[in-house]
Amino acid sequence: FIPVEDDLCRKYEEIHYQQAYTLEEIQTLLEEAGMEYITAYDAF
């Protein structure tokens, strides 16, 4: 809801899709793609 003038707002709608992957799935796909999986870290 984005203000456009005075007390009026314009409404915009979007839909986003995300997929949850396990680390094991990621590792398998990396190796299948020909890459070398090195490691994974808890973020930061």
All heavy atoms as atom14 arrays in JSON, in Angstrom:
{
  "sequence": "FIPVEDDLCRKYEEIHYQQAYTLEEIQTLLEEAGMEYITAYDAF",
  "atom14_mask": [
    [1, 1, 1, 1, 1, 1, 1, 1, 1, 1, 1, 0, 0, 0],
    [1, 1, 1, 1, 1, 1, 1, 1, 0, 0, 0, 0, 0, 0],
    [1, 1, 1, 1, 1, 1, 1, 0, 0, 0, 0, 0, 0, 0],
    [1, 1, 1, 1, 1, 1, 1, 0, 0, 0, 0, 0, 0, 0],
    [1, 1, 1, 1, 1, 1, 1, 1, 1, 0, 0, 0, 0, 0],
    [1, 1, 1, 1, 1, 1, 1, 1, 0, 0, 0, 0, 0, 0],
    [1, 1, 1, 1, 1, 1, 1, 1, 0, 0, 0, 0, 0, 0],
    [1, 1, 1, 1, 1, 1, 1, 1, 0, 0, 0, 0, 0, 0],
    [1, 1, 1, 1, 1, 1, 0, 0, 0, 0, 0, 0, 0, 0],
    [1, 1, 1, 1, 1, 1, 1, 1, 1, 1, 1, 0, 0, 0],
    [1, 1, 1, 1, 1, 1, 1, 1, 1, 0, 0, 0, 0, 0],
    [1, 1, 1, 1, 1, 1, 1, 1, 1, 1, 1, 1, 0, 0],
    [1, 1, 1, 1, 1, 1, 1, 1, 1, 0, 0, 0, 0, 0],
    [1, 1, 1, 1, 1, 1, 1, 1, 1, 0, 0, 0, 0, 0],
    [1, 1, 1, 1, 1, 1, 1, 1, 0, 0, 0, 0, 0, 0],
    [1, 1, 1, 1, 1, 1, 1, 1, 1, 1, 0, 0, 0, 0],
    [1, 1, 1, 1, 1, 1, 1, 1, 1, 1, 1, 1, 0, 0],
    [1, 1, 1, 1, 1, 1, 1, 1, 1, 0, 0, 0, 0, 0],
    [1, 1, 1, 1, 1, 1, 1, 1, 1, 0, 0, 0, 0, 0],
    [1, 1, 1, 1, 1, 0, 0, 0, 0, 0, 0, 0, 0, 0],
    [1, 1, 1, 1, 1, 1, 1, 1, 1, 1, 1, 1, 0, 0],
    [1, 1, 1, 1, 1, 1, 1, 0, 0, 0, 0, 0, 0, 0],
    [1, 1, 1, 1, 1, 1, 1, 1, 0, 0, 0, 0, 0, 0],
    [1, 1, 1, 1, 1, 1, 1, 1, 1, 0, 0, 0, 0, 0],
    [1, 1, 1, 1, 1, 1, 1, 1, 1, 0, 0, 0, 0, 0],
    [1, 1, 1, 1, 1, 1, 1, 1, 0, 0, 0, 0, 0, 0],
    [1, 1, 1, 1, 1, 1, 1, 1, 1, 0, 0, 0, 0, 0],
    [1, 1, 1, 1, 1, 1, 1, 0, 0, 0, 0, 0, 0, 0],
    [1, 1, 1, 1, 1, 1, 1, 1, 0, 0, 0, 0, 0, 0],
    [1, 1, 1, 1, 1, 1, 1, 1, 0, 0, 0, 0, 0, 0],
    [1, 1, 1, 1, 1, 1, 1, 1, 1, 0, 0, 0, 0, 0],
    [1, 1, 1, 1, 1, 1, 1, 1, 1, 0, 0, 0, 0, 0],
    [1, 1, 1, 1, 1, 0, 0, 0, 0, 0, 0, 0, 0, 0],
    [1, 1, 1, 1, 0, 0, 0, 0, 0, 0, 0, 0, 0, 0],
    [1, 1, 1, 1, 1, 1, 1, 1, 0, 0, 0, 0, 0, 0],
    [1, 1, 1, 1, 1, 1, 1, 1, 1, 0, 0, 0, 0, 0],
    [1, 1, 1, 1, 1, 1, 1, 1, 1, 1, 1, 1, 0, 0],
    [1, 1, 1, 1, 1, 1, 1, 1, 0, 0, 0, 0, 0, 0],
    [1, 1, 1, 1, 1, 1, 1, 0, 0, 0, 0, 0, 0, 0],
    [1, 1, 1, 1, 1, 0, 0, 0, 0, 0, 0, 0, 0, 0],
    [1, 1, 1, 1, 1, 1, 1, 1, 1, 1, 1, 1, 0, 0],
    [1, 1, 1, 1, 1, 1, 1, 1, 0, 0, 0, 0, 0, 0],
    [1, 1, 1, 1, 1, 0, 0, 0, 0, 0, 0, 0, 0, 0],
    [1, 1, 1, 1, 1, 1, 1, 1, 1, 1, 1, 0, 0, 0]
  ],
  "atom14_positions": [
    [[0.86, -1.18, 0.0], [0.0, 0.0, 0.0], [0.9, 1.23, 0.0], [1.53, 1.55, 1.01], [-0.92, -0.01, 1.22], [-1.77, -1.24, 1.32], [-1.31, -2.37, 1.98], [-3.02, -1.29, 0.72], [-2.09, -3.52, 2.06], [-3.81, -2.43, 0.8], [-3.34, -3.55, 1.47], [0.0, 0.0, 0.0], [0.0, 0.0, 0.0], [0.0, 0.0, 0.0]],
    [[0.96, 1.92, -1.15], [1.88, 3.03, -1.33], [1.09, 4.33, -1.46], [0.21, 4.44, -2.32], [2.76, 2.83, -2.59], [3.42, 1.44, -2.56], [3.8, 3.94, -2.7], [4.31, 1.21, -1.37], [0.0, 0.0, 0.0], [0.0, 0.0, 0.0], [0.0, 0.0, 0.0], [0.0, 0.0, 0.0], [0.0, 0.0, 0.0], [0.0, 0.0, 0.0]],
    [[1.38, 5.33, -0.61], [0.66, 6.61, -0.7], [0.88, 7.27, -2.06], [2.0, 7.28, -2.59], [1.3, 7.45, 0.42], [1.9, 6.46, 1.36], [2.36, 5.32, 0.5], [0.0, 0.0, 0.0], [0.0, 0.0, 0.0], [0.0, 0.0, 0.0], [0.0, 0.0, 0.0], [0.0, 0.0, 0.0], [0.0, 0.0, 0.0], [0.0, 0.0, 0.0]],
    [[-0.18, 7.82, -2.62], [-0.08, 8.52, -3.9], [-0.43, 10.0, -3.77], [0.21, 10.86, -4.35], [-0.96, 7.85, -4.98], [-0.36, 6.52, -5.4], [-2.39, 7.65, -4.48], [0.0, 0.0, 0.0], [0.0, 0.0, 0.0], [0.0, 0.0, 0.0], [0.0, 0.0, 0.0], [0.0, 0.0, 0.0], [0.0, 0.0, 0.0], [0.0, 0.0, 0.0]],
    [[-1.44, 10.3, -2.97], [-1.8, 11.7, -2.73], [-2.76, 11.78, -1.55], [-3.56, 10.88, -1.32], [-2.45, 12.33, -3.96], [-3.71, 11.62, -4.45], [-4.31, 12.31, -5.66], [-5.11, 13.23, -5.44], [-3.98, 11.92, -6.79], [0.0, 0.0, 0.0], [0.0, 0.0, 0.0], [0.0, 0.0, 0.0], [0.0, 0.0, 0.0], [0.0, 0.0, 0.0]],
    [[-2.62, 12.85, -0.78], [-3.46, 13.06, 0.4], [-3.52, 11.79, 1.24], [-2.5, 11.28, 1.66], [-4.86, 13.5, -0.03], [-4.85, 14.83, -0.79], [-3.97, 15.66, -0.48], [-5.69, 15.0, -1.68], [0.0, 0.0, 0.0], [0.0, 0.0, 0.0], [0.0, 0.0, 0.0], [0.0, 0.0, 0.0], [0.0, 0.0, 0.0], [0.0, 0.0, 0.0]],
    [[-4.69, 11.27, 1.49], [-4.84, 10.06, 2.31], [-5.09, 8.82, 1.44], [-5.53, 7.79, 1.96], [-5.99, 10.23, 3.3], [-5.7, 11.3, 4.34], [-4.52, 11.46, 4.68], [-6.65, 11.97, 4.78], [0.0, 0.0, 0.0], [0.0, 0.0, 0.0], [0.0, 0.0, 0.0], [0.0, 0.0, 0.0], [0.0, 0.0, 0.0], [0.0, 0.0, 0.0]],
    [[-4.82, 8.92, 0.16], [-5.08, 7.81, -0.75], [-3.82, 6.96, -0.92], [-2.7, 7.47, -0.97], [-5.54, 8.33, -2.11], [-6.87, 9.1, -2.12], [-7.16, 9.61, -3.53], [-8.01, 8.23, -1.61], [0.0, 0.0, 0.0], [0.0, 0.0, 0.0], [0.0, 0.0, 0.0], [0.0, 0.0, 0.0], [0.0, 0.0, 0.0], [0.0, 0.0, 0.0]],
    [[-4.03, 5.65, -1.02], [-2.95, 4.71, -1.27], [-3.28, 3.87, -2.5], [-4.45, 3.61, -2.79], [-2.73, 3.77, -0.08], [-2.03, 4.55, 1.37], [0.0, 0.0, 0.0], [0.0, 0.0, 0.0], [0.0, 0.0, 0.0], [0.0, 0.0, 0.0], [0.0, 0.0, 0.0], [0.0, 0.0, 0.0], [0.0, 0.0, 0.0], [0.0, 0.0, 0.0]],
    [[-2.24, 3.43, -3.18], [-2.43, 2.49, -4.28], [-1.97, 1.11, -3.82], [-0.93, 0.98, -3.17], [-1.63, 2.92, -5.5], [-1.84, 1.99, -6.7], [-1.19, 2.52, -7.96], [-1.39, 1.61, -9.07], [-0.89, 1.79, -10.28], [-0.17, 2.88, -10.54], [-1.11, 0.92, -11.24], [0.0, 0.0, 0.0], [0.0, 0.0, 0.0], [0.0, 0.0, 0.0]],
    [[-2.76, 0.1, -4.13], [-2.46, -1.25, -3.71], [-1.8, -2.03, -4.85], [-2.24, -1.99, -5.99], [-3.75, -1.98, -3.29], [-3.51, -3.41, -2.78], [-4.82, -4.08, -2.41], [-4.6, -5.5, -1.92], [-5.88, -6.18, -1.58], [0.0, 0.0, 0.0], [0.0, 0.0, 0.0], [0.0, 0.0, 0.0], [0.0, 0.0, 0.0], [0.0, 0.0, 0.0]],
    [[-0.71, -2.72, -4.51], [-0.01, -3.6, -5.45], [0.03, -4.99, -4.84], [0.17, -5.14, -3.62], [1.42, -3.12, -5.7], [1.53, -1.72, -6.25], [1.68, -0.63, -5.39], [1.52, -1.48, -7.62], [1.8, 0.66, -5.89], [1.64, -0.19, -8.13], [1.78, 0.87, -7.25], [1.89, 2.14, -7.74], [0.0, 0.0, 0.0], [0.0, 0.0, 0.0]],
    [[-0.09, -6.01, -5.67], [-0.04, -7.38, -5.19], [0.97, -8.2, -5.97], [1.09, -8.06, -7.19], [-1.43, -8.04, -5.29], [-2.47, -7.43, -4.36], [-3.81, -8.14, -4.47], [-4.43, -8.05, -5.54], [-4.21, -8.8, -3.5], [0.0, 0.0, 0.0], [0.0, 0.0, 0.0], [0.0, 0.0, 0.0], [0.0, 0.0, 0.0], [0.0, 0.0, 0.0]],
    [[1.7, -9.04, -5.25], [2.66, -9.94, -5.87], [2.61, -11.28, -5.16], [2.22, -11.36, -3.98], [4.09, -9.37, -5.78], [4.31, -8.1, -6.57], [5.76, -7.66, -6.54], [6.61, -8.35, -5.93], [6.05, -6.63, -7.15], [0.0, 0.0, 0.0], [0.0, 0.0, 0.0], [0.0, 0.0, 0.0], [0.0, 0.0, 0.0], [0.0, 0.0, 0.0]],
    [[3.04, -12.32, -5.86], [3.18, -13.64, -5.27], [4.61, -14.12, -5.49], [5.13, -14.05, -6.61], [2.19, -14.65, -5.87], [0.75, -14.22, -5.61], [2.42, -16.05, -5.28], [-0.3, -15.15, -6.19], [0.0, 0.0, 0.0], [0.0, 0.0, 0.0], [0.0, 0.0, 0.0], [0.0, 0.0, 0.0], [0.0, 0.0, 0.0], [0.0, 0.0, 0.0]],
    [[5.25, -14.57, -4.42], [6.61, -15.08, -4.48], [6.61, -16.55, -4.06], [5.86, -16.94, -3.15], [7.53, -14.29, -3.54], [7.67, -12.84, -3.9], [8.89, -12.23, -4.03], [6.76, -11.88, -4.15], [8.72, -10.95, -4.34], [7.43, -10.72, -4.41], [0.0, 0.0, 0.0], [0.0, 0.0, 0.0], [0.0, 0.0, 0.0], [0.0, 0.0, 0.0]],
    [[7.48, -17.32, -4.69], [7.61, -18.74, -4.36], [9.06, -19.04, -3.99], [9.99, -18.62, -4.68], [7.21, -19.62, -5.55], [5.79, -19.41, -6.02], [5.5, -18.47, -7.01], [4.74, -20.16, -5.5], [4.2, -18.28, -7.46], [3.43, -19.98, -5.94], [3.17, -19.03, -6.91], [1.89, -18.84, -7.34], [0.0, 0.0, 0.0], [0.0, 0.0, 0.0]],
    [[9.24, -19.77, -2.89], [10.56, -20.23, -2.51], [10.49, -21.71, -2.14], [9.46, -22.19, -1.67], [11.11, -19.44, -1.32], [11.58, -18.03, -1.69], [12.39, -17.4, -0.58], [12.27, -17.73, 0.6], [13.25, -16.47, -0.96], [0.0, 0.0, 0.0], [0.0, 0.0, 0.0], [0.0, 0.0, 0.0], [0.0, 0.0, 0.0], [0.0, 0.0, 0.0]],
    [[11.62, -22.38, -2.36], [11.7, -23.81, -2.07], [12.69, -24.06, -0.95], [13.79, -23.51, -0.95], [12.15, -24.58, -3.32], [12.23, -26.08, -3.14], [10.86, -26.72, -2.94], [9.86, -26.25, -3.49], [10.79, -27.78, -2.15], [0.0, 0.0, 0.0], [0.0, 0.0, 0.0], [0.0, 0.0, 0.0], [0.0, 0.0, 0.0], [0.0, 0.0, 0.0]],
    [[12.29, -24.88, 0.01], [13.19, -25.29, 1.08], [14.0, -26.49, 0.63], [13.44, -27.48, 0.12], [12.39, -25.63, 2.33], [0.0, 0.0, 0.0], [0.0, 0.0, 0.0], [0.0, 0.0, 0.0], [0.0, 0.0, 0.0], [0.0, 0.0, 0.0], [0.0, 0.0, 0.0], [0.0, 0.0, 0.0], [0.0, 0.0, 0.0], [0.0, 0.0, 0.0]],
    [[15.31, -26.41, 0.79], [16.21, -27.52, 0.45], [17.0, -27.92, 1.68], [17.45, -27.07, 2.45], [17.2, -27.11, -0.65], [16.57, -26.84, -2.0], [16.32, -25.54, -2.42], [16.24, -27.89, -2.85], [15.77, -25.28, -3.66], [15.67, -27.64, -4.09], [15.44, -26.34, -4.5], [14.88, -26.09, -5.73], [0.0, 0.0, 0.0], [0.0, 0.0, 0.0]],
    [[17.18, -29.22, 1.86], [18.08, -29.68, 2.91], [19.52, -29.53, 2.41], [19.77, -29.47, 1.2], [17.83, -31.15, 3.26], [18.18, -31.98, 2.13], [16.36, -31.38, 3.64], [0.0, 0.0, 0.0], [0.0, 0.0, 0.0], [0.0, 0.0, 0.0], [0.0, 0.0, 0.0], [0.0, 0.0, 0.0], [0.0, 0.0, 0.0], [0.0, 0.0, 0.0]],
    [[20.45, -29.48, 3.35], [21.85, -29.38, 2.96], [22.28, -30.62, 2.18], [23.08, -30.52, 1.24], [22.72, -29.22, 4.21], [24.23, -29.09, 3.97], [24.54, -27.94, 3.01], [24.96, -28.9, 5.3], [0.0, 0.0, 0.0], [0.0, 0.0, 0.0], [0.0, 0.0, 0.0], [0.0, 0.0, 0.0], [0.0, 0.0, 0.0], [0.0, 0.0, 0.0]],
    [[21.72, -31.76, 2.53], [22.06, -32.99, 1.8], [21.61, -32.9, 0.34], [22.32, -33.34, -0.57], [21.41, -34.2, 2.48], [21.98, -34.55, 3.85], [21.55, -33.59, 4.95], [20.55, -32.83, 4.75], [22.2, -33.58, 6.01], [0.0, 0.0, 0.0], [0.0, 0.0, 0.0], [0.0, 0.0, 0.0], [0.0, 0.0, 0.0], [0.0, 0.0, 0.0]],
    [[20.44, -32.33, 0.11], [19.95, -32.15, -1.27], [20.86, -31.2, -2.04], [21.19, -31.45, -3.21], [18.52, -31.62, -1.25], [17.49, -32.65, -0.79], [16.12, -32.03, -0.57], [16.02, -30.83, -0.24], [15.12, -32.78, -0.71], [0.0, 0.0, 0.0], [0.0, 0.0, 0.0], [0.0, 0.0, 0.0], [0.0, 0.0, 0.0], [0.0, 0.0, 0.0]],
    [[21.27, -30.12, -1.39], [22.16, -29.16, -2.04], [23.49, -29.8, -2.37], [24.02, -29.63, -3.49], [22.38, -27.93, -1.12], [21.09, -27.13, -1.0], [23.52, -27.06, -1.64], [20.63, -26.47, -2.27], [0.0, 0.0, 0.0], [0.0, 0.0, 0.0], [0.0, 0.0, 0.0], [0.0, 0.0, 0.0], [0.0, 0.0, 0.0], [0.0, 0.0, 0.0]],
    [[24.05, -30.54, -1.44], [25.33, -31.19, -1.68], [25.25, -32.17, -2.85], [26.13, -32.22, -3.71], [25.78, -31.93, -0.41], [27.16, -32.58, -0.54], [27.64, -33.16, 0.78], [27.01, -32.97, 1.83], [28.76, -33.86, 0.75], [0.0, 0.0, 0.0], [0.0, 0.0, 0.0], [0.0, 0.0, 0.0], [0.0, 0.0, 0.0], [0.0, 0.0, 0.0]],
    [[24.17, -32.94, -2.9], [23.99, -33.9, -3.99], [23.9, -33.2, -5.34], [24.52, -33.62, -6.32], [22.71, -34.73, -3.75], [22.86, -35.5, -2.55], [22.45, -35.68, -4.92], [0.0, 0.0, 0.0], [0.0, 0.0, 0.0], [0.0, 0.0, 0.0], [0.0, 0.0, 0.0], [0.0, 0.0, 0.0], [0.0, 0.0, 0.0], [0.0, 0.0, 0.0]],
    [[23.14, -32.11, -5.4], [22.98, -31.37, -6.66], [24.29, -30.72, -7.09], [24.61, -30.7, -8.29], [21.89, -30.31, -6.51], [20.46, -30.84, -6.4], [19.49, -29.72, -6.04], [20.03, -31.5, -7.7], [0.0, 0.0, 0.0], [0.0, 0.0, 0.0], [0.0, 0.0, 0.0], [0.0, 0.0, 0.0], [0.0, 0.0, 0.0], [0.0, 0.0, 0.0]],
    [[25.05, -30.18, -6.15], [26.34, -29.59, -6.48], [27.27, -30.63, -7.1], [27.92, -30.39, -8.13], [27.0, -28.98, -5.24], [26.43, -27.65, -4.75], [26.97, -27.32, -3.36], [26.79, -26.52, -5.73], [0.0, 0.0, 0.0], [0.0, 0.0, 0.0], [0.0, 0.0, 0.0], [0.0, 0.0, 0.0], [0.0, 0.0, 0.0], [0.0, 0.0, 0.0]],
    [[27.33, -31.78, -6.47], [28.21, -32.83, -6.97], [27.73, -33.38, -8.3], [28.54, -33.69, -9.19], [28.33, -33.94, -5.92], [29.08, -33.45, -4.67], [29.09, -34.45, -3.53], [28.34, -35.47, -3.63], [29.81, -34.22, -2.55], [0.0, 0.0, 0.0], [0.0, 0.0, 0.0], [0.0, 0.0, 0.0], [0.0, 0.0, 0.0], [0.0, 0.0, 0.0]],
    [[26.41, -33.49, -8.48], [25.87, -33.93, -9.76], [26.18, -32.92, -10.86], [26.36, -33.29, -12.03], [24.36, -34.13, -9.66], [23.73, -34.78, -10.88], [22.26, -35.08, -10.7], [21.77, -35.05, -9.55], [21.59, -35.36, -11.73], [0.0, 0.0, 0.0], [0.0, 0.0, 0.0], [0.0, 0.0, 0.0], [0.0, 0.0, 0.0], [0.0, 0.0, 0.0]],
    [[26.27, -31.64, -10.49], [26.59, -30.59, -11.46], [28.08, -30.56, -11.79], [28.5, -29.78, -12.65], [26.16, -29.24, -10.92], [0.0, 0.0, 0.0], [0.0, 0.0, 0.0], [0.0, 0.0, 0.0], [0.0, 0.0, 0.0], [0.0, 0.0, 0.0], [0.0, 0.0, 0.0], [0.0, 0.0, 0.0], [0.0, 0.0, 0.0], [0.0, 0.0, 0.0]],
    [[28.86, -31.39, -11.11], [30.29, -31.44, -11.39], [31.14, -30.6, -10.46], [32.35, -30.51, -10.64], [0.0, 0.0, 0.0], [0.0, 0.0, 0.0], [0.0, 0.0, 0.0], [0.0, 0.0, 0.0], [0.0, 0.0, 0.0], [0.0, 0.0, 0.0], [0.0, 0.0, 0.0], [0.0, 0.0, 0.0], [0.0, 0.0, 0.0], [0.0, 0.0, 0.0]],
    [[30.51, -29.99, -9.45], [31.24, -29.14, -8.53], [31.74, -29.93, -7.33], [31.26, -31.03, -7.03], [30.37, -27.97, -8.05], [29.83, -27.09, -9.15], [29.3, -25.47, -8.54], [30.89, -24.69, -8.29], [0.0, 0.0, 0.0], [0.0, 0.0, 0.0], [0.0, 0.0, 0.0], [0.0, 0.0, 0.0], [0.0, 0.0, 0.0], [0.0, 0.0, 0.0]],
    [[32.7, -29.33, -6.63], [33.2, -29.91, -5.39], [32.55, -29.17, -4.21], [32.76, -27.97, -4.04], [34.72, -29.78, -5.31], [35.3, -30.26, -4.0], [36.77, -29.91, -3.84], [37.35, -29.34, -4.78], [37.31, -30.19, -2.75], [0.0, 0.0, 0.0], [0.0, 0.0, 0.0], [0.0, 0.0, 0.0], [0.0, 0.0, 0.0], [0.0, 0.0, 0.0]],
    [[31.77, -29.88, -3.44], [31.21, -29.3, -2.23], [32.32, -29.19, -1.2], [33.04, -30.16, -0.92], [30.07, -30.17, -1.7], [29.62, -29.83, -0.31], [28.76, -28.76, -0.08], [30.07, -30.56, 0.8], [28.33, -28.43, 1.2], [29.64, -30.25, 2.08], [28.79, -29.17, 2.28], [28.39, -28.86, 3.55], [0.0, 0.0, 0.0], [0.0, 0.0, 0.0]],
    [[32.49, -27.99, -0.61], [33.55, -27.79, 0.37], [33.01, -27.86, 1.79], [33.41, -28.7, 2.59], [34.28, -26.45, 0.14], [34.94, -26.43, -1.24], [35.34, -26.24, 1.23], [35.62, -25.11, -1.57], [0.0, 0.0, 0.0], [0.0, 0.0, 0.0], [0.0, 0.0, 0.0], [0.0, 0.0, 0.0], [0.0, 0.0, 0.0], [0.0, 0.0, 0.0]],
    [[32.08, -26.95, 2.11], [31.56, -26.91, 3.46], [30.3, -26.05, 3.52], [29.91, -25.43, 2.53], [32.61, -26.35, 4.44], [32.19, -26.57, 5.79], [32.83, -24.86, 4.22], [0.0, 0.0, 0.0], [0.0, 0.0, 0.0], [0.0, 0.0, 0.0], [0.0, 0.0, 0.0], [0.0, 0.0, 0.0], [0.0, 0.0, 0.0], [0.0, 0.0, 0.0]],
    [[29.68, -26.01, 4.69], [28.54, -25.13, 4.96], [28.68, -24.57, 6.36], [29.24, -25.23, 7.25], [27.22, -25.87, 4.8], [0.0, 0.0, 0.0], [0.0, 0.0, 0.0], [0.0, 0.0, 0.0], [0.0, 0.0, 0.0], [0.0, 0.0, 0.0], [0.0, 0.0, 0.0], [0.0, 0.0, 0.0], [0.0, 0.0, 0.0], [0.0, 0.0, 0.0]],
    [[28.22, -23.36, 6.54], [28.31, -22.68, 7.84], [26.94, -22.19, 8.29], [26.12, -21.79, 7.46], [29.22, -21.45, 7.74], [30.64, -21.73, 7.34], [31.15, -21.25, 6.12], [31.51, -22.45, 8.16], [32.46, -21.48, 5.75], [32.82, -22.69, 7.8], [33.29, -22.21, 6.59], [34.59, -22.43, 6.22], [0.0, 0.0, 0.0], [0.0, 0.0, 0.0]],
    [[26.73, -22.2, 9.59], [25.64, -21.43, 10.17], [25.94, -19.98, 9.83], [27.06, -19.5, 10.06], [25.59, -21.66, 11.67], [24.47, -20.89, 12.34], [23.35, -20.89, 11.82], [24.73, -20.25, 13.38], [0.0, 0.0, 0.0], [0.0, 0.0, 0.0], [0.0, 0.0, 0.0], [0.0, 0.0, 0.0], [0.0, 0.0, 0.0], [0.0, 0.0, 0.0]],
    [[24.96, -19.27, 9.28], [25.22, -17.95, 8.7], [25.97, -17.02, 9.65], [25.67, -16.95, 10.85], [23.9, -17.3, 8.29], [0.0, 0.0, 0.0], [0.0, 0.0, 0.0], [0.0, 0.0, 0.0], [0.0, 0.0, 0.0], [0.0, 0.0, 0.0], [0.0, 0.0, 0.0], [0.0, 0.0, 0.0], [0.0, 0.0, 0.0], [0.0, 0.0, 0.0]],
    [[26.98, -16.35, 9.08], [27.77, -15.31, 9.73], [28.66, -15.86, 10.84], [29.08, -15.12, 11.73], [26.87, -14.18, 10.24], [25.82, -13.8, 9.23], [24.47, -13.94, 9.52], [26.18, -13.35, 7.97], [23.5, -13.62, 8.57], [25.23, -13.04, 7.02], [23.9, -13.17, 7.31], [0.0, 0.0, 0.0], [0.0, 0.0, 0.0], [0.0, 0.0, 0.0]]
  ]
}
